[in-house]
Structures are given as structure tokens and as C-alpha cells.
């Protein structure tokens, strides 16, 4: 069983690494790999019936990350829709890092209210 889990994991990792070659999205490869690993563990493992607690724990962590990202992406999209980033990008003309730091410090931060 352990050998099968390792083989599935390595194949899934290779699918993620060679995303462009096989034409499958990284997220899809990761989800399929995770489902296969949990299924193998549940069906072939010695304690298949006792997997509900660890599975619930991992699914809870993943759900927390997904909900956080949905909220963060919503906020960023709202700022972008209403032109909030234009305020910053209109003032940036520098390509050198040191001058860009000084530009942000002395021109952008007072406009936003931090200076």
C-alpha cells in the first residue's frame, strides 16, 4: 500500500511539473492526486474506517484557505474595478528598484494617507 501511495504521489507530482506537456491544469492534477491517495488509504489501509478525523482535518484546512482566497480576490477585484490601483501606477515611472522605493515613499504614501 505504501509503495502504491508513493507511486501515485510521484506520478501526480510529475503531472504538475509537466503541466504544459500533458495539457492538464496543475490544480486538476493536484486534486486528482489527493483524491487517489486518500482513496487508496481508505480502501487498502489497515484503519480505513478511522480516517474520518484526519480527512475532516485536512478538508477543513483546505476550505479555510479557499475561503480566505475568495475574500482576498474579491477585495482586489473591487479595488481594480473602481480604479484603486490606477492611483499608484499613474505615479510610478521608475524601473530601477532603489528609485522606485523612494518614489513610493515620498510620492505615493502621502497621497494614500500614510505620510
N, C-alpha and C. Protein backbone atom coordinates (compact mmCIF):
# COMPACT_ATOMS: atom_id res chain seq x y z
N UNK A 1 0.82 -1.18 0.00
CA UNK A 1 0.00 0.00 0.00
C UNK A 1 0.87 1.26 0.00
N UNK A 2 1.91 1.28 0.82
CA UNK A 2 2.80 2.45 0.89
C UNK A 2 3.46 2.68 -0.47
N UNK A 3 3.88 1.59 -1.12
CA UNK A 3 4.51 1.72 -2.43
C UNK A 3 3.53 2.32 -3.44
N UNK A 4 2.28 1.88 -3.40
CA UNK A 4 1.27 2.41 -4.30
C UNK A 4 1.03 3.90 -4.04
N UNK A 5 0.98 4.29 -2.76
CA UNK A 5 0.81 5.71 -2.43
C UNK A 5 1.98 6.55 -2.95
N UNK A 6 3.19 6.04 -2.80
CA UNK A 6 4.37 6.77 -3.28
C UNK A 6 4.34 6.88 -4.80
N UNK A 7 3.96 5.80 -5.48
CA UNK A 7 3.89 5.83 -6.94
C UNK A 7 2.85 6.85 -7.40
N UNK A 8 1.65 6.86 -6.78
CA UNK A 8 0.61 7.81 -7.15
C UNK A 8 1.08 9.24 -6.88
N UNK A 9 1.74 9.45 -5.74
CA UNK A 9 2.23 10.79 -5.42
C UNK A 9 3.28 11.26 -6.43
N UNK A 10 4.22 10.40 -6.76
CA UNK A 10 5.28 10.78 -7.71
C UNK A 10 4.68 11.05 -9.08
N UNK A 11 3.73 10.22 -9.53
CA UNK A 11 3.07 10.46 -10.81
C UNK A 11 2.29 11.78 -10.79
N UNK A 12 1.62 12.05 -9.70
CA UNK A 12 0.90 13.32 -9.57
C UNK A 12 1.84 14.51 -9.57
N UNK A 13 2.97 14.37 -8.89
CA UNK A 13 3.96 15.45 -8.86
C UNK A 13 4.55 15.68 -10.25
N UNK A 14 4.78 14.59 -10.98
CA UNK A 14 5.28 14.72 -12.35
C UNK A 14 4.23 15.37 -13.25
N UNK A 15 2.95 15.05 -13.03
CA UNK A 15 1.88 15.67 -13.81
C UNK A 15 1.84 17.18 -13.56
N UNK A 16 2.09 17.58 -12.32
CA UNK A 16 2.14 19.01 -12.01
C UNK A 16 3.36 19.66 -12.67
N UNK A 17 4.49 18.97 -12.61
CA UNK A 17 5.73 19.53 -13.18
C UNK A 17 5.65 19.66 -14.70
N UNK A 18 5.00 18.69 -15.36
CA UNK A 18 4.91 18.69 -16.82
C UNK A 18 3.52 19.12 -17.28
N UNK A 19 3.01 20.17 -16.66
CA UNK A 19 1.66 20.66 -16.95
C UNK A 19 1.47 20.98 -18.43
N UNK A 20 2.40 21.69 -19.01
CA UNK A 20 2.25 22.12 -20.40
C UNK A 20 2.35 20.95 -21.37
N UNK A 21 3.18 19.99 -21.04
CA UNK A 21 3.36 18.85 -21.94
C UNK A 21 2.15 17.94 -22.01
N UNK A 22 1.48 17.73 -20.86
CA UNK A 22 0.33 16.82 -20.87
C UNK A 22 -0.99 17.55 -21.02
N UNK A 23 -1.00 18.86 -20.84
CA UNK A 23 -2.20 19.65 -21.06
C UNK A 23 -3.22 19.58 -19.94
N UNK A 24 -2.80 19.22 -18.74
CA UNK A 24 -3.70 19.17 -17.59
C UNK A 24 -3.29 20.26 -16.61
N UNK A 25 -4.26 20.99 -16.10
CA UNK A 25 -4.01 22.08 -15.16
C UNK A 25 -3.36 21.54 -13.88
N UNK A 26 -2.51 22.36 -13.26
CA UNK A 26 -1.85 21.95 -12.01
C UNK A 26 -2.85 21.65 -10.91
N UNK A 27 -3.87 22.49 -10.80
CA UNK A 27 -4.87 22.28 -9.76
C UNK A 27 -5.61 20.96 -9.97
N UNK A 28 -5.92 20.65 -11.22
CA UNK A 28 -6.59 19.38 -11.52
C UNK A 28 -5.72 18.19 -11.18
N UNK A 29 -4.45 18.27 -11.54
CA UNK A 29 -3.53 17.18 -11.21
C UNK A 29 -3.40 17.00 -9.71
N UNK A 30 -3.32 18.11 -8.98
CA UNK A 30 -3.19 18.04 -7.52
C UNK A 30 -4.45 17.45 -6.89
N UNK A 31 -5.62 17.86 -7.37
CA UNK A 31 -6.87 17.32 -6.82
C UNK A 31 -7.01 15.84 -7.10
N UNK A 32 -6.71 15.43 -8.32
CA UNK A 32 -6.79 14.01 -8.65
C UNK A 32 -5.80 13.20 -7.82
N UNK A 33 -4.60 13.70 -7.66
CA UNK A 33 -3.59 13.00 -6.85
C UNK A 33 -4.05 12.87 -5.41
N UNK A 34 -4.58 13.96 -4.85
CA UNK A 34 -5.07 13.91 -3.46
C UNK A 34 -6.21 12.93 -3.28
N UNK A 35 -7.16 12.95 -4.20
CA UNK A 35 -8.30 12.03 -4.11
C UNK A 35 -7.84 10.59 -4.23
N UNK A 36 -6.93 10.33 -5.16
CA UNK A 36 -6.42 8.97 -5.32
C UNK A 36 -5.67 8.50 -4.08
N UNK A 37 -4.84 9.36 -3.51
CA UNK A 37 -4.09 8.97 -2.30
C UNK A 37 -5.02 8.68 -1.14
N UNK A 38 -6.02 9.55 -0.91
CA UNK A 38 -6.96 9.31 0.19
C UNK A 38 -7.80 8.07 -0.07
N UNK A 39 -8.16 7.83 -1.33
CA UNK A 39 -8.96 6.65 -1.65
C UNK A 39 -8.17 5.37 -1.43
N UNK A 40 -6.92 5.37 -1.86
CA UNK A 40 -6.07 4.20 -1.63
C UNK A 40 -5.89 3.96 -0.14
N UNK A 41 -5.68 5.00 0.62
CA UNK A 41 -5.51 4.88 2.06
C UNK A 41 -6.79 4.36 2.72
N UNK A 42 -7.94 4.83 2.26
CA UNK A 42 -9.21 4.40 2.85
C UNK A 42 -9.56 2.97 2.48
N UNK A 43 -9.27 2.58 1.25
CA UNK A 43 -9.67 1.25 0.79
C UNK A 43 -8.67 0.16 1.15
N UNK A 44 -7.40 0.48 1.12
CA UNK A 44 -6.37 -0.53 1.33
C UNK A 44 -5.66 -0.41 2.68
N UNK A 45 -5.89 0.66 3.39
CA UNK A 45 -5.21 0.89 4.66
C UNK A 45 -5.75 0.01 5.77
N UNK A 46 -4.97 -0.18 6.82
CA UNK A 46 -5.40 -1.04 7.93
C UNK A 46 -6.54 -0.43 8.75
N UNK A 47 -6.67 0.87 8.77
CA UNK A 47 -7.70 1.53 9.56
C UNK A 47 -8.56 2.41 8.66
N UNK A 48 -9.14 1.84 7.63
CA UNK A 48 -9.91 2.59 6.67
C UNK A 48 -11.09 3.33 7.28
N UNK A 49 -11.75 2.72 8.27
CA UNK A 49 -12.93 3.34 8.88
C UNK A 49 -12.55 4.49 9.81
N UNK A 50 -11.32 4.55 10.24
CA UNK A 50 -10.89 5.59 11.19
C UNK A 50 -10.24 6.79 10.51
N UNK A 51 -10.49 6.96 9.25
CA UNK A 51 -9.88 8.06 8.51
C UNK A 51 -10.72 9.32 8.50
N UNK A 52 -11.88 9.29 9.10
CA UNK A 52 -12.76 10.46 9.02
C UNK A 52 -12.17 11.67 9.73
N UNK A 53 -11.51 11.45 10.86
CA UNK A 53 -10.94 12.59 11.60
C UNK A 53 -9.80 13.26 10.84
N UNK A 54 -8.79 12.51 10.36
CA UNK A 54 -7.72 13.19 9.60
C UNK A 54 -8.22 13.79 8.29
N UNK A 55 -9.17 13.12 7.64
CA UNK A 55 -9.70 13.65 6.38
C UNK A 55 -10.47 14.94 6.64
N UNK A 56 -11.26 14.96 7.71
CA UNK A 56 -12.00 16.17 8.07
C UNK A 56 -11.05 17.31 8.41
N UNK A 57 -9.97 16.98 9.10
CA UNK A 57 -8.96 17.99 9.45
C UNK A 57 -8.36 18.61 8.19
N UNK A 58 -7.93 17.78 7.25
CA UNK A 58 -7.30 18.29 6.03
C UNK A 58 -8.30 19.05 5.16
N UNK A 59 -9.51 18.55 5.05
CA UNK A 59 -10.52 19.26 4.27
C UNK A 59 -10.88 20.60 4.91
N UNK A 60 -10.87 20.66 6.25
CA UNK A 60 -11.12 21.92 6.95
C UNK A 60 -10.04 22.94 6.67
N UNK A 61 -8.78 22.50 6.66
CA UNK A 61 -7.68 23.42 6.34
C UNK A 61 -7.79 23.94 4.91
N UNK A 62 -8.09 23.04 4.00
CA UNK A 62 -8.22 23.44 2.60
C UNK A 62 -9.39 24.40 2.43
N UNK A 63 -10.51 24.13 3.09
CA UNK A 63 -11.67 25.02 2.99
C UNK A 63 -11.35 26.40 3.55
N UNK A 64 -10.60 26.46 4.63
CA UNK A 64 -10.20 27.74 5.20
C UNK A 64 -9.35 28.55 4.23
N UNK A 65 -8.42 27.88 3.56
CA UNK A 65 -7.57 28.56 2.58
C UNK A 65 -8.40 29.06 1.40
N UNK A 66 -9.32 28.22 0.93
CA UNK A 66 -10.16 28.61 -0.21
C UNK A 66 -11.03 29.81 0.14
N UNK A 67 -11.64 29.80 1.32
CA UNK A 67 -12.49 30.93 1.72
C UNK A 67 -11.68 32.21 1.88
N UNK A 68 -10.48 32.10 2.43
CA UNK A 68 -9.61 33.27 2.54
C UNK A 68 -9.27 33.83 1.17
N UNK A 69 -8.89 32.94 0.24
CA UNK A 69 -8.52 33.40 -1.10
C UNK A 69 -9.70 34.01 -1.84
N UNK A 70 -10.89 33.46 -1.66
CA UNK A 70 -12.07 34.05 -2.29
C UNK A 70 -12.32 35.47 -1.80
N UNK A 71 -12.20 35.67 -0.50
CA UNK A 71 -12.36 37.01 0.05
C UNK A 71 -11.29 37.97 -0.42
N UNK A 72 -10.04 37.52 -0.42
CA UNK A 72 -8.94 38.38 -0.85
C UNK A 72 -9.07 38.72 -2.33
N UNK A 73 -9.44 37.75 -3.15
CA UNK A 73 -9.60 38.01 -4.58
C UNK A 73 -10.76 38.96 -4.84
N UNK A 74 -11.81 38.86 -4.03
CA UNK A 74 -12.95 39.77 -4.19
C UNK A 74 -12.54 41.20 -3.88
N UNK A 75 -11.78 41.39 -2.81
CA UNK A 75 -11.33 42.74 -2.44
C UNK A 75 -10.43 43.32 -3.53
N UNK A 76 -9.49 42.54 -4.02
CA UNK A 76 -8.58 43.01 -5.07
C UNK A 76 -9.36 43.35 -6.33
N UNK A 77 -10.34 42.53 -6.68
CA UNK A 77 -11.14 42.80 -7.89
C UNK A 77 -11.97 44.07 -7.73
N UNK A 78 -12.51 44.30 -6.54
CA UNK A 78 -13.26 45.54 -6.31
C UNK A 78 -12.37 46.77 -6.41
N UNK A 79 -11.17 46.68 -5.85
CA UNK A 79 -10.23 47.81 -5.95
C UNK A 79 -9.86 48.05 -7.41
N UNK A 80 -9.61 46.99 -8.16
CA UNK A 80 -9.24 47.13 -9.57
C UNK A 80 -10.40 47.68 -10.39
N UNK A 81 -11.61 47.24 -10.09
CA UNK A 81 -12.78 47.70 -10.85
C UNK A 81 -13.01 49.19 -10.68
N UNK A 82 -12.79 49.70 -9.49
CA UNK A 82 -13.03 51.11 -9.20
C UNK A 82 -11.78 51.98 -9.40
N UNK A 83 -10.74 51.42 -10.03
CA UNK A 83 -9.56 52.21 -10.37
C UNK A 83 -8.65 52.51 -9.20
N UNK A 84 -8.70 51.73 -8.16
CA UNK A 84 -7.87 51.99 -6.99
C UNK A 84 -6.39 51.82 -7.24
N UNK A 85 -6.03 50.92 -8.14
CA UNK A 85 -4.62 50.71 -8.43
C UNK A 85 -4.08 51.75 -9.39
N UNK A 86 -4.96 52.44 -10.12
CA UNK A 86 -4.51 53.49 -11.04
C UNK A 86 -3.84 54.63 -10.29
N UNK A 87 -4.31 54.89 -9.08
CA UNK A 87 -3.71 55.93 -8.25
C UNK A 87 -2.23 55.67 -8.04
N UNK A 88 -1.90 54.42 -7.85
CA UNK A 88 -0.50 54.05 -7.59
C UNK A 88 0.29 53.98 -8.90
N UNK A 89 -0.26 53.28 -9.88
CA UNK A 89 0.51 53.06 -11.10
C UNK A 89 0.69 54.32 -11.93
N UNK A 90 -0.18 55.31 -11.80
CA UNK A 90 -0.01 56.55 -12.55
C UNK A 90 1.21 57.34 -12.08
N UNK A 91 1.62 57.15 -10.85
CA UNK A 91 2.75 57.90 -10.31
C UNK A 91 4.09 57.17 -10.47
N UNK A 92 4.07 55.95 -10.90
CA UNK A 92 5.30 55.17 -10.99
C UNK A 92 5.83 55.22 -12.42
N UNK A 93 6.98 55.82 -12.57
CA UNK A 93 7.65 55.90 -13.87
C UNK A 93 9.03 55.27 -13.83
N UNK A 94 9.48 54.88 -12.66
CA UNK A 94 10.83 54.33 -12.47
C UNK A 94 10.89 52.84 -12.77
N UNK A 95 12.06 52.40 -13.24
CA UNK A 95 12.29 50.97 -13.44
C UNK A 95 13.40 50.45 -12.52
N UNK A 96 14.17 51.36 -11.94
CA UNK A 96 15.23 50.95 -11.02
C UNK A 96 14.64 50.79 -9.61
N UNK A 97 15.05 49.77 -8.92
CA UNK A 97 14.46 49.43 -7.63
C UNK A 97 14.66 50.49 -6.56
N UNK A 98 15.86 51.02 -6.46
CA UNK A 98 16.14 52.00 -5.40
C UNK A 98 15.32 53.27 -5.62
N UNK A 99 15.28 53.75 -6.85
CA UNK A 99 14.50 54.95 -7.13
C UNK A 99 13.00 54.68 -6.99
N UNK A 100 12.59 53.45 -7.30
CA UNK A 100 11.18 53.08 -7.13
C UNK A 100 10.80 53.11 -5.66
N UNK A 101 11.70 52.66 -4.79
CA UNK A 101 11.45 52.70 -3.35
C UNK A 101 11.25 54.14 -2.88
N UNK A 102 12.12 55.04 -3.33
CA UNK A 102 11.99 56.44 -2.93
C UNK A 102 10.75 57.09 -3.54
N UNK A 103 10.37 56.69 -4.74
CA UNK A 103 9.16 57.21 -5.37
C UNK A 103 7.93 56.81 -4.56
N UNK A 104 7.89 55.57 -4.15
CA UNK A 104 6.75 55.10 -3.35
C UNK A 104 6.73 55.80 -2.00
N UNK A 105 7.90 55.95 -1.39
CA UNK A 105 7.96 56.53 -0.06
C UNK A 105 7.55 58.00 -0.03
N UNK A 106 7.95 58.77 -1.02
CA UNK A 106 7.71 60.21 -0.96
C UNK A 106 6.54 60.72 -1.81
N UNK A 107 6.08 59.93 -2.76
CA UNK A 107 5.00 60.40 -3.62
C UNK A 107 3.69 59.66 -3.41
N UNK A 108 3.75 58.37 -3.23
CA UNK A 108 2.53 57.58 -3.16
C UNK A 108 1.98 57.55 -1.74
N UNK A 109 2.81 57.32 -0.75
CA UNK A 109 2.32 57.18 0.62
C UNK A 109 1.61 58.42 1.15
N UNK A 110 2.08 59.64 0.86
CA UNK A 110 1.30 60.81 1.32
C UNK A 110 -0.07 60.90 0.65
N UNK A 111 -0.18 60.47 -0.60
CA UNK A 111 -1.46 60.52 -1.29
C UNK A 111 -2.44 59.55 -0.66
N UNK A 112 -1.96 58.38 -0.31
CA UNK A 112 -2.81 57.35 0.27
C UNK A 112 -3.16 57.67 1.72
N UNK A 113 -2.34 58.48 2.36
CA UNK A 113 -2.63 58.87 3.73
C UNK A 113 -1.67 58.30 4.76
N UNK A 114 -0.51 57.83 4.30
CA UNK A 114 0.46 57.28 5.23
C UNK A 114 1.66 58.20 5.43
N UNK A 115 1.58 59.43 5.04
CA UNK A 115 2.78 60.24 5.18
C UNK A 115 2.53 61.65 5.57
